[in-house]
Amino acid sequence: MNNEDITFLDFMYSWLETSLLSKSIEPNTYESYSSIIKLYIKPYFNDRKITLQELKPKHIQDYYDGLLLGGLSGNTILKIHANVRTAANMLFEMGHSL
């Protein structure tokens, strides 16, 4: 599969698995991050099928706006953002820009 064809959601799962295998996160952290992806990130991005090539800051902002409008607490949104930010940093390290 070409990197251009990878969806943001698939990348999030790949990032999570890579983080666990490289031992950059502990198993408990993995479980927490995995839950956040399944509960909060997957429902939004699964239907949209936004590829890494298509991903723009507006997509992320629209996502956060939807979380706020949906009534999630600021603390929960910060936890979600920590996942998205860390994965985005990996994207930047790989030479991808938003």
PDB file of N, CA and C in Angstrom:
ATOM      1  N   MET A   1       0.852  -1.193   0.000  1.00  0.00           N
ATOM      2  CA  MET A   1       0.000   0.000   0.000  1.00  0.00           C
ATOM      3  C   MET A   1       0.889   1.245   0.000  1.00  0.00           C
ATOM      4  N   ASN A   2       0.595   2.148  -0.864  1.00  0.00           N
ATOM      5  CA  ASN A   2       1.309   3.409  -0.969  1.00  0.00           C
ATOM      6  C   ASN A   2       0.964   4.290   0.236  1.00  0.00           C
ATOM      7  N   ASN A   3       1.954   5.026   0.757  1.00  0.00           N
ATOM      8  CA  ASN A   3       1.697   5.924   1.886  1.00  0.00           C
ATOM      9  C   ASN A   3       0.576   6.908   1.600  1.00  0.00           C
ATOM     10  N   GLU A   4       0.415   7.279   0.344  1.00  0.00           N
ATOM     11  CA  GLU A   4      -0.641   8.224  -0.023  1.00  0.00           C
ATOM     12  C   GLU A   4      -2.028   7.616   0.162  1.00  0.00           C
ATOM     13  N   ASP A   5      -2.121   6.295   0.148  1.00  0.00           N
ATOM     14  CA  ASP A   5      -3.401   5.606   0.271  1.00  0.00           C
ATOM     15  C   ASP A   5      -3.786   5.304   1.717  1.00  0.00           C
ATOM     16  N   ILE A   6      -2.868   5.486   2.641  1.00  0.00           N
ATOM     17  CA  ILE A   6      -3.126   5.178   4.049  1.00  0.00           C
ATOM     18  C   ILE A   6      -4.049   6.243   4.634  1.00  0.00           C
ATOM     19  N   THR A   7      -5.108   5.796   5.289  1.00  0.00           N
ATOM     20  CA  THR A   7      -6.001   6.764   5.924  1.00  0.00           C
ATOM     21  C   THR A   7      -5.393   7.235   7.247  1.00  0.00           C
ATOM     22  N   PHE A   8      -5.860   8.373   7.697  1.00  0.00           N
ATOM     23  CA  PHE A   8      -5.396   8.900   8.973  1.00  0.00           C
ATOM     24  C   PHE A   8      -5.695   7.908  10.094  1.00  0.00           C
ATOM     25  N   LEU A   9      -6.859   7.300  10.060  1.00  0.00           N
ATOM     26  CA  LEU A   9      -7.223   6.331  11.096  1.00  0.00           C
ATOM     27  C   LEU A   9      -6.271   5.129  11.075  1.00  0.00           C
ATOM     28  N   ASP A  10      -5.987   4.602   9.891  1.00  0.00           N
ATOM     29  CA  ASP A  10      -5.040   3.485   9.795  1.00  0.00           C
ATOM     30  C   ASP A  10      -3.667   3.897  10.313  1.00  0.00           C
ATOM     31  N   PHE A  11      -3.272   5.120  10.007  1.00  0.00           N
ATOM     32  CA  PHE A  11      -1.988   5.601  10.508  1.00  0.00           C
ATOM     33  C   PHE A  11      -1.995   5.668  12.034  1.00  0.00           C
ATOM     34  N   MET A  12      -3.098   6.109  12.621  1.00  0.00           N
ATOM     35  CA  MET A  12      -3.178   6.175  14.080  1.00  0.00           C
ATOM     36  C   MET A  12      -2.950   4.787  14.689  1.00  0.00           C
ATOM     37  N   TYR A  13      -3.572   3.766  14.121  1.00  0.00           N
ATOM     38  CA  TYR A  13      -3.365   2.406  14.628  1.00  0.00           C
ATOM     39  C   TYR A  13      -1.922   1.945  14.407  1.00  0.00           C
ATOM     40  N   SER A  14      -1.360   2.258  13.254  1.00  0.00           N
ATOM     41  CA  SER A  14       0.025   1.893  12.961  1.00  0.00           C
ATOM     42  C   SER A  14       0.979   2.581  13.932  1.00  0.00           C
ATOM     43  N   TRP A  15       0.742   3.867  14.175  1.00  0.00           N
ATOM     44  CA  TRP A  15       1.559   4.621  15.129  1.00  0.00           C
ATOM     45  C   TRP A  15       1.497   3.965  16.508  1.00  0.00           C
ATOM     46  N   LEU A  16       0.315   3.573  16.918  1.00  0.00           N
ATOM     47  CA  LEU A  16       0.147   2.958  18.228  1.00  0.00           C
ATOM     48  C   LEU A  16       0.924   1.645  18.326  1.00  0.00           C
ATOM     49  N   GLU A  17       0.816   0.806  17.308  1.00  0.00           N
ATOM     50  CA  GLU A  17       1.528  -0.472  17.319  1.00  0.00           C
ATOM     51  C   GLU A  17       3.042  -0.255  17.288  1.00  0.00           C
ATOM     52  N   THR A  18       3.501   0.684  16.479  1.00  0.00           N
ATOM     53  CA  THR A  18       4.928   0.999  16.404  1.00  0.00           C
ATOM     54  C   THR A  18       5.435   1.487  17.747  1.00  0.00           C
ATOM     55  N   SER A  19       4.651   2.310  18.422  1.00  0.00           N
ATOM     56  CA  SER A  19       5.046   2.833  19.731  1.00  0.00           C
ATOM     57  C   SER A  19       5.185   1.718  20.754  1.00  0.00           C
ATOM     58  N   LEU A  20       4.282   0.754  20.712  1.00  0.00           N
ATOM     59  CA  LEU A  20       4.351  -0.366  21.652  1.00  0.00           C
ATOM     60  C   LEU A  20       5.555  -1.249  21.341  1.00  0.00           C
ATOM     61  N   LEU A  21       5.740  -1.586  20.067  1.00  0.00           N
ATOM     62  CA  LEU A  21       6.844  -2.470  19.689  1.00  0.00           C
ATOM     63  C   LEU A  21       8.210  -1.843  19.946  1.00  0.00           C
ATOM     64  N   SER A  22       8.296  -0.525  19.780  1.00  0.00           N
ATOM     65  CA  SER A  22       9.583   0.148  20.013  1.00  0.00           C
ATOM     66  C   SER A  22       9.798   0.429  21.498  1.00  0.00           C
ATOM     67  N   LYS A  23       8.813   0.056  22.282  1.00  0.00           N
ATOM     68  CA  LYS A  23       8.860   0.244  23.739  1.00  0.00           C
ATOM     69  C   LYS A  23       8.944   1.724  24.138  1.00  0.00           C
ATOM     70  N   SER A  24       8.421   2.590  23.274  1.00  0.00           N
ATOM     71  CA  SER A  24       8.387   4.010  23.627  1.00  0.00           C
ATOM     72  C   SER A  24       7.188   4.345  24.513  1.00  0.00           C
ATOM     73  N   ILE A  25       6.261   3.385  24.657  1.00  0.00           N
ATOM     74  CA  ILE A  25       5.165   3.535  25.608  1.00  0.00           C
ATOM     75  C   ILE A  25       5.011   2.242  26.395  1.00  0.00           C
ATOM     76  N   GLU A  26       4.495   2.371  27.585  1.00  0.00           N
ATOM     77  CA  GLU A  26       4.254   1.212  28.458  1.00  0.00           C
ATOM     78  C   GLU A  26       2.937   0.540  28.061  1.00  0.00           C
ATOM     79  N   PRO A  27       2.780  -0.737  28.407  1.00  0.00           N
ATOM     80  CA  PRO A  27       1.533  -1.444  28.065  1.00  0.00           C
ATOM     81  C   PRO A  27       0.271  -0.745  28.586  1.00  0.00           C
ATOM     82  N   ASN A  28       0.303  -0.184  29.790  1.00  0.00           N
ATOM     83  CA  ASN A  28      -0.879   0.522  30.304  1.00  0.00           C
ATOM     84  C   ASN A  28      -1.187   1.762  29.472  1.00  0.00           C
ATOM     85  N   THR A  29      -0.143   2.460  29.044  1.00  0.00           N
ATOM     86  CA  THR A  29      -0.321   3.634  28.188  1.00  0.00           C
ATOM     87  C   THR A  29      -0.904   3.205  26.850  1.00  0.00           C
ATOM     88  N   TYR A  30      -0.407   2.086  26.332  1.00  0.00           N
ATOM     89  CA  TYR A  30      -0.933   1.534  25.084  1.00  0.00           C
ATOM     90  C   TYR A  30      -2.438   1.302  25.201  1.00  0.00           C
ATOM     91  N   GLU A  31      -2.860   0.678  26.289  1.00  0.00           N
ATOM     92  CA  GLU A  31      -4.282   0.398  26.485  1.00  0.00           C
ATOM     93  C   GLU A  31      -5.104   1.683  26.525  1.00  0.00           C
ATOM     94  N   SER A  32      -4.580   2.694  27.201  1.00  0.00           N
ATOM     95  CA  SER A  32      -5.269   3.980  27.291  1.00  0.00           C
ATOM     96  C   SER A  32      -5.380   4.637  25.915  1.00  0.00           C
ATOM     97  N   TYR A  33      -4.272   4.673  25.188  1.00  0.00           N
ATOM     98  CA  TYR A  33      -4.269   5.269  23.844  1.00  0.00           C
ATOM     99  C   TYR A  33      -5.191   4.496  22.905  1.00  0.00           C
ATOM    100  N   SER A  34      -5.149   3.171  23.008  1.00  0.00           N
ATOM    101  CA  SER A  34      -5.985   2.338  22.159  1.00  0.00           C
ATOM    102  C   SER A  34      -7.471   2.622  22.404  1.00  0.00           C
ATOM    103  N   SER A  35      -7.831   2.764  23.665  1.00  0.00           N
ATOM    104  CA  SER A  35      -9.228   3.080  24.010  1.00  0.00           C
ATOM    105  C   SER A  35      -9.640   4.429  23.437  1.00  0.00           C
ATOM    106  N   ILE A  36      -8.761   5.407  23.526  1.00  0.00           N
ATOM    107  CA  ILE A  36      -9.073   6.742  22.991  1.00  0.00           C
ATOM    108  C   ILE A  36      -9.286   6.667  21.486  1.00  0.00           C
ATOM    109  N   ILE A  37      -8.430   5.930  20.803  1.00  0.00           N
ATOM    110  CA  ILE A  37      -8.589   5.806  19.351  1.00  0.00           C
ATOM    111  C   ILE A  37      -9.920   5.130  19.022  1.00  0.00           C
ATOM    112  N   LYS A  38     -10.223   4.026  19.689  1.00  0.00           N
ATOM    113  CA  LYS A  38     -11.452   3.277  19.403  1.00  0.00           C
ATOM    114  C   LYS A  38     -12.715   4.060  19.758  1.00  0.00           C
ATOM    115  N   LEU A  39     -12.694   4.748  20.899  1.00  0.00           N
ATOM    116  CA  LEU A  39     -13.899   5.430  21.369  1.00  0.00           C
ATOM    117  C   LEU A  39     -14.141   6.790  20.722  1.00  0.00           C
ATOM    118  N   TYR A  40     -13.068   7.511  20.430  1.00  0.00           N
ATOM    119  CA  TYR A  40     -13.232   8.909  20.020  1.00  0.00           C
ATOM    120  C   TYR A  40     -12.707   9.245  18.626  1.00  0.00           C
ATOM    121  N   ILE A  41     -11.635   8.618  18.203  1.00  0.00           N
ATOM    122  CA  ILE A  41     -11.050   8.978  16.910  1.00  0.00           C
ATOM    123  C   ILE A  41     -11.663   8.149  15.785  1.00  0.00           C
ATOM    124  N   LYS A  42     -11.804   6.851  16.017  1.00  0.00           N
ATOM    125  CA  LYS A  42     -12.357   5.968  14.984  1.00  0.00           C
ATOM    126  C   LYS A  42     -13.760   6.372  14.536  1.00  0.00           C
ATOM    127  N   PRO A  43     -14.693   6.667  15.451  1.00  0.00           N
ATOM    128  CA  PRO A  43     -16.045   7.002  14.984  1.00  0.00           C
ATOM    129  C   PRO A  43     -16.087   8.187  14.005  1.00  0.00           C
ATOM    130  N   TYR A  44     -15.210   9.135  14.188  1.00  0.00           N
ATOM    131  CA  TYR A  44     -15.208  10.308  13.321  1.00  0.00           C
ATOM    132  C   TYR A  44     -14.479  10.033  12.004  1.00  0.00           C
ATOM    133  N   PHE A  45     -13.278   9.498  12.096  1.00  0.00           N
ATOM    134  CA  PHE A  45     -12.436   9.363  10.904  1.00  0.00           C
ATOM    135  C   PHE A  45     -12.723   8.110  10.083  1.00  0.00           C
ATOM    136  N   ASN A  46     -13.343   7.105  10.659  1.00  0.00           N
ATOM    137  CA  ASN A  46     -13.630   5.884   9.915  1.00  0.00           C
ATOM    138  C   ASN A  46     -14.538   6.151   8.722  1.00  0.00           C
ATOM    139  N   ASP A  47     -15.572   6.936   8.930  1.00  0.00           N
ATOM    140  CA  ASP A  47     -16.517   7.227   7.848  1.00  0.00           C
ATOM    141  C   ASP A  47     -15.937   8.167   6.793  1.00  0.00           C
ATOM    142  N   ARG A  48     -15.001   8.998   7.178  1.00  0.00           N
ATOM    143  CA  ARG A  48     -14.478  10.022   6.280  1.00  0.00           C
ATOM    144  C   ARG A  48     -13.359   9.521   5.373  1.00  0.00           C
ATOM    145  N   LYS A  49     -12.663   8.471   5.774  1.00  0.00           N
ATOM    146  CA  LYS A  49     -11.605   7.861   4.954  1.00  0.00           C
ATOM    147  C   LYS A  49     -10.606   8.898   4.421  1.00  0.00           C
ATOM    148  N   ILE A  50     -10.196   9.826   5.262  1.00  0.00           N
ATOM    149  CA  ILE A  50      -9.246  10.870   4.871  1.00  0.00           C
ATOM    150  C   ILE A  50      -7.847  10.253   4.834  1.00  0.00           C
ATOM    151  N   THR A  51      -7.209  10.323   3.678  1.00  0.00           N
ATOM    152  CA  THR A  51      -5.864   9.769   3.558  1.00  0.00           C
ATOM    153  C   THR A  51      -4.849  10.763   4.118  1.00  0.00           C
ATOM    154  N   LEU A  52      -3.638  10.265   4.347  1.00  0.00           N
ATOM    155  CA  LEU A  52      -2.579  11.146   4.837  1.00  0.00           C
ATOM    156  C   LEU A  52      -2.296  12.259   3.837  1.00  0.00           C
ATOM    157  N   GLN A  53      -2.386  11.934   2.552  1.00  0.00           N
ATOM    158  CA  GLN A  53      -2.144  12.951   1.528  1.00  0.00           C
ATOM    159  C   GLN A  53      -3.217  14.045   1.569  1.00  0.00           C
ATOM    160  N   GLU A  54      -4.440  13.684   1.893  1.00  0.00           N
ATOM    161  CA  GLU A  54      -5.550  14.642   1.930  1.00  0.00           C
ATOM    162  C   GLU A  54      -5.634  15.416   3.241  1.00  0.00           C
ATOM    163  N   LEU A  55      -5.052  14.871   4.302  1.00  0.00           N
ATOM    164  CA  LEU A  55      -5.213  15.434   5.640  1.00  0.00           C
ATOM    165  C   LEU A  55      -4.673  16.863   5.727  1.00  0.00           C
ATOM    166  N   LYS A  56      -5.524  17.745   6.237  1.00  0.00           N
ATOM    167  CA  LYS A  56      -5.179  19.158   6.423  1.00  0.00           C
ATOM    168  C   LYS A  56      -5.532  19.567   7.849  1.00  0.00           C
ATOM    169  N   PRO A  57      -4.923  20.643   8.336  1.00  0.00           N
ATOM    170  CA  PRO A  57      -5.255  21.116   9.686  1.00  0.00           C
ATOM    171  C   PRO A  57      -6.754  21.327   9.892  1.00  0.00           C
ATOM    172  N   LYS A  58      -7.461  21.734   8.838  1.00  0.00           N
ATOM    173  CA  LYS A  58      -8.905  21.964   8.960  1.00  0.00           C
ATOM    174  C   LYS A  58      -9.641  20.676   9.359  1.00  0.00           C
ATOM    175  N   HIS A  59      -9.193  19.533   8.864  1.00  0.00           N
ATOM    176  CA  HIS A  59      -9.830  18.266   9.240  1.00  0.00           C
ATOM    177  C   HIS A  59      -9.719  18.029  10.742  1.00  0.00           C
ATOM    178  N   ILE A  60      -8.546  18.293  11.275  1.00  0.00           N
ATOM    179  CA  ILE A  60      -8.315  18.093  12.709  1.00  0.00           C
ATOM    180  C   ILE A  60      -9.136  19.105  13.511  1.00  0.00           C
ATOM    181  N   GLN A  61      -9.149  20.360  13.060  1.00  0.00           N
ATOM    182  CA  GLN A  61      -9.916  21.391  13.766  1.00  0.00           C
ATOM    183  C   GLN A  61     -11.414  21.083  13.740  1.00  0.00           C
ATOM    184  N   ASP A  62     -11.908  20.648  12.595  1.00  0.00           N
ATOM    185  CA  ASP A  62     -13.326  20.272  12.505  1.00  0.00           C
ATOM    186  C   ASP A  62     -13.641  19.125  13.467  1.00  0.00           C
ATOM    187  N   TYR A  63     -12.711  18.201  13.578  1.00  0.00           N
ATOM    188  CA  TYR A  63     -12.874  17.084  14.508  1.00  0.00           C
ATOM    189  C   TYR A  63     -12.975  17.591  15.940  1.00  0.00           C
ATOM    190  N   TYR A  64     -12.034  18.450  16.346  1.00  0.00           N
ATOM    191  CA  TYR A  64     -12.069  18.995  17.703  1.00  0.00           C
ATOM    192  C   TYR A  64     -13.335  19.810  17.949  1.00  0.00           C
ATOM    193  N   ASP A  65     -13.744  20.589  16.960  1.00  0.00           N
ATOM    194  CA  ASP A  65     -14.977  21.378  17.100  1.00  0.00           C
ATOM    195  C   ASP A  65     -16.172  20.458  17.346  1.00  0.00           C
ATOM    196  N   GLY A  66     -16.217  19.336  16.626  1.00  0.00           N
ATOM    197  CA  GLY A  66     -17.298  18.375  16.813  1.00  0.00           C
ATOM    198  C   GLY A  66     -17.287  17.755  18.211  1.00  0.00           C
ATOM    199  N   LEU A  67     -16.087  17.508  18.731  1.00  0.00           N
ATOM    200  CA  LEU A  67     -15.983  16.970  20.089  1.00  0.00           C
ATOM    201  C   LEU A  67     -16.541  17.961  21.106  1.00  0.00           C
ATOM    202  N   LEU A  68     -16.181  19.231  20.926  1.00  0.00           N
ATOM    203  CA  LEU A  68     -16.676  20.265  21.838  1.00  0.00           C
ATOM    204  C   LEU A  68     -18.192  20.387  21.764  1.00  0.00           C
ATOM    205  N   LEU A  69     -18.710  20.425  20.544  1.00  0.00           N
ATOM    206  CA  LEU A  69     -20.158  20.533  20.367  1.00  0.00           C
ATOM    207  C   LEU A  69     -20.880  19.294  20.898  1.00  0.00           C
ATOM    208  N   GLY A  70     -20.189  18.157  20.878  1.00  0.00           N
ATOM    209  CA  GLY A  70     -20.768  16.916  21.385  1.00  0.00           C
ATOM    210  C   GLY A  70     -20.784  16.829  22.896  1.00  0.00           C
ATOM    211  N   GLY A  71     -20.194  17.830  23.556  1.00  0.00           N
ATOM    212  CA  GLY A  71     -20.253  17.884  25.001  1.00  0.00           C
ATOM    213  C   GLY A  71     -19.135  17.167  25.748  1.00  0.00           C
ATOM    214  N   LEU A  72     -18.084  16.770  25.045  1.00  0.00           N
ATOM    215  CA  LEU A  72     -16.973  16.136  25.757  1.00  0.00           C
ATOM    216  C   LEU A  72     -16.277  17.148  26.659  1.00  0.00           C
ATOM    217  N   SER A  73     -15.744  16.664  27.750  1.00  0.00           N
ATOM    218  CA  SER A  73     -15.040  17.549  28.681  1.00  0.00           C
ATOM    219  C   SER A  73     -13.704  17.982  28.087  1.00  0.00           C
ATOM    220  N   GLY A  74     -13.237  19.114  28.535  1.00  0.00           N
ATOM    221  CA  GLY A  74     -11.938  19.620  28.099  1.00  0.00           C
ATOM    222  C   GLY A  74     -10.828  18.642  28.407  1.00  0.00           C
ATOM    223  N   ASN A  75     -10.922  17.966  29.541  1.00  0.00           N
ATOM    224  CA  ASN A  75      -9.904  16.993  29.932  1.00  0.00           C
ATOM    225  C   ASN A  75      -9.847  15.825  28.942  1.00  0.00           C
ATOM    226  N   THR A  76     -11.001  15.334  28.534  1.00  0.00           N
ATOM    227  CA  THR A  76     -11.043  14.236  27.568  1.00  0.00           C
ATOM    228  C   THR A  76     -10.482  14.681  26.231  1.00  0.00           C
ATOM    229  N   ILE A  77     -10.827  15.876  25.799  1.00  0.00           N
ATOM    230  CA  ILE A  77     -10.325  16.397  24.526  1.00  0.00           C
ATOM    231  C   ILE A  77      -8.809  16.559  24.590  1.00  0.00           C
ATOM    232  N   LEU A  78      -8.275  16.975  25.732  1.00  0.00           N
ATOM    233  CA  LEU A  78      -6.818  17.078  25.876  1.00  0.00           C
ATOM    234  C   LEU A  78      -6.151  15.714  25.741  1.00  0.00           C
ATOM    235  N   LYS A  79      -6.765  14.682  26.281  1.00  0.00           N
ATOM    236  CA  LYS A  79      -6.219  13.326  26.148  1.00  0.00           C
ATOM    237  C   LYS A  79      -6.236  12.876  24.684  1.00  0.00           C
ATOM    238  N   ILE A  80      -7.318  13.182  24.005  1.00  0.00           N
ATOM    239  CA  ILE A  80      -7.421  12.849  22.588  1.00  0.00           C
ATOM    240  C   ILE A  80      -6.352  13.608  21.810  1.00  0.00           C
ATOM    241  N   HIS A  81      -6.223  14.893  22.120  1.00  0.00           N
ATOM    242  CA  HIS A  81      -5.238  15.726  21.428  1.00  0.00           C
ATOM    243  C   HIS A  81      -3.819  15.205  21.638  1.00  0.00           C
ATOM    244  N   ALA A  82      -3.521  14.697  22.823  1.00  0.00           N
ATOM    245  CA  ALA A  82      -2.185  14.150  23.087  1.00  0.00           C
ATOM    246  C   ALA A  82      -1.883  13.009  22.112  1.00  0.00           C
ATOM    247  N   ASN A  83      -2.870  12.179  21.835  1.00  0.00           N
ATOM    248  CA  ASN A  83      -2.692  11.094  20.863  1.00  0.00           C
ATOM    249  C   ASN A  83      -2.471  11.639  19.459  1.00  0.00           C
ATOM    250  N   VAL A  84      -3.337  12.540  19.047  1.00  0.00           N
ATOM    251  CA  VAL A  84      -3.260  13.092  17.696  1.00  0.00           C
ATOM    252  C   VAL A  84      -1.938  13.847  17.506  1.00  0.00           C
ATOM    253  N   ARG A  85      -1.555  14.640  18.490  1.00  0.00           N
ATOM    254  CA  ARG A  85      -0.317  15.420  18.399  1.00  0.00           C
ATOM    255  C   ARG A  85       0.907  14.516  18.293  1.00  0.00           C
ATOM    256  N   THR A  86       0.954  13.477  19.115  1.00  0.00           N
ATOM    257  CA  THR A  86       2.101  12.576  19.095  1.00  0.00           C
ATOM    258  C   THR A  86       2.194  11.839  17.759  1.00  0.00           C
ATOM    259  N   ALA A  87       1.058  11.392  17.248  1.00  0.00           N
ATOM    260  CA  ALA A  87       1.049  10.728  15.937  1.00  0.00           C
ATOM    261  C   ALA A  87       1.437  11.717  14.838  1.00  0.00           C
ATOM    262  N   ALA A  88       0.947  12.951  14.925  1.00  0.00           N
ATOM    263  CA  ALA A  88       1.298  13.972  13.924  1.00  0.00           C
ATOM    264  C   ALA A  88       2.793  14.259  13.950  1.00  0.00           C
ATOM    265  N   ASN A  89       3.382  14.267  15.129  1.00  0.00           N
ATOM    266  CA  ASN A  89       4.832  14.468  15.222  1.00  0.00           C
ATOM    267  C   ASN A  89       5.575  13.369  14.482  1.00  0.00           C
ATOM    268  N   MET A  90       5.085  12.147  14.583  1.00  0.00           N
ATOM    269  CA  MET A  90       5.707  11.042  13.849  1.00  0.00           C
ATOM    270  C   MET A  90       5.569  11.263  12.344  1.00  0.00           C
ATOM    271  N   LEU A  91       4.411  11.754  11.927  1.00  0.00           N
ATOM    272  CA  LEU A  91       4.219  12.073  10.507  1.00  0.00           C
ATOM    273  C   LEU A  91       5.233  13.100  10.036  1.00  0.00           C
ATOM    274  N   PHE A  92       5.426  14.139  10.829  1.00  0.00           N
ATOM    275  CA  PHE A  92       6.397  15.181  10.464  1.00  0.00           C
ATOM    276  C   PHE A  92       7.796  14.607  10.370  1.00  0.00           C
ATOM    277  N   GLU A  93       8.148  13.727  11.300  1.00  0.00           N
ATOM    278  CA  GLU A  93       9.465  13.091  11.279  1.00  0.00           C
ATOM    279  C   GLU A  93       9.645  12.243  10.018  1.00  0.00           C
ATOM    280  N   MET A  94       8.540  11.723   9.498  1.00  0.00           N
ATOM    281  CA  MET A  94       8.582  10.924   8.275  1.00  0.00           C
ATOM    282  C   MET A  94       8.576  11.800   7.016  1.00  0.00           C
ATOM    283  N   GLY A  95       8.522  13.108   7.212  1.00  0.00           N
ATOM    284  CA  GLY A  95       8.557  14.016   6.069  1.00  0.00           C
ATOM    285  C   GLY A  95       7.218  14.420   5.527  1.00  0.00           C
ATOM    286  N   HIS A  96       6.151  14.092   6.226  1.00  0.00           N
ATOM    287  CA  HIS A  96       4.802  14.466   5.786  1.00  0.00           C
ATOM    288  C   HIS A  96       4.418  15.777   6.453  1.00  0.00           C
ATOM    289  N   SER A  97       3.775  16.629   5.720  1.00  0.00           N
ATOM    290  CA  SER A  97       3.302  17.875   6.328  1.00  0.00           C
ATOM    291  C   SER A  97       1.798  17.985   6.155  1.00  0.00           C
ATOM    292  N   LEU A  98       1.174  18.694   7.080  1.00  0.00           N
ATOM    293  CA  LEU A  98      -0.282  18.898   6.991  1.00  0.00           C
ATOM    294  C   LEU A  98      -0.555  20.166   6.213  1.00  0.00           C
TER     295      LEU A  98
END
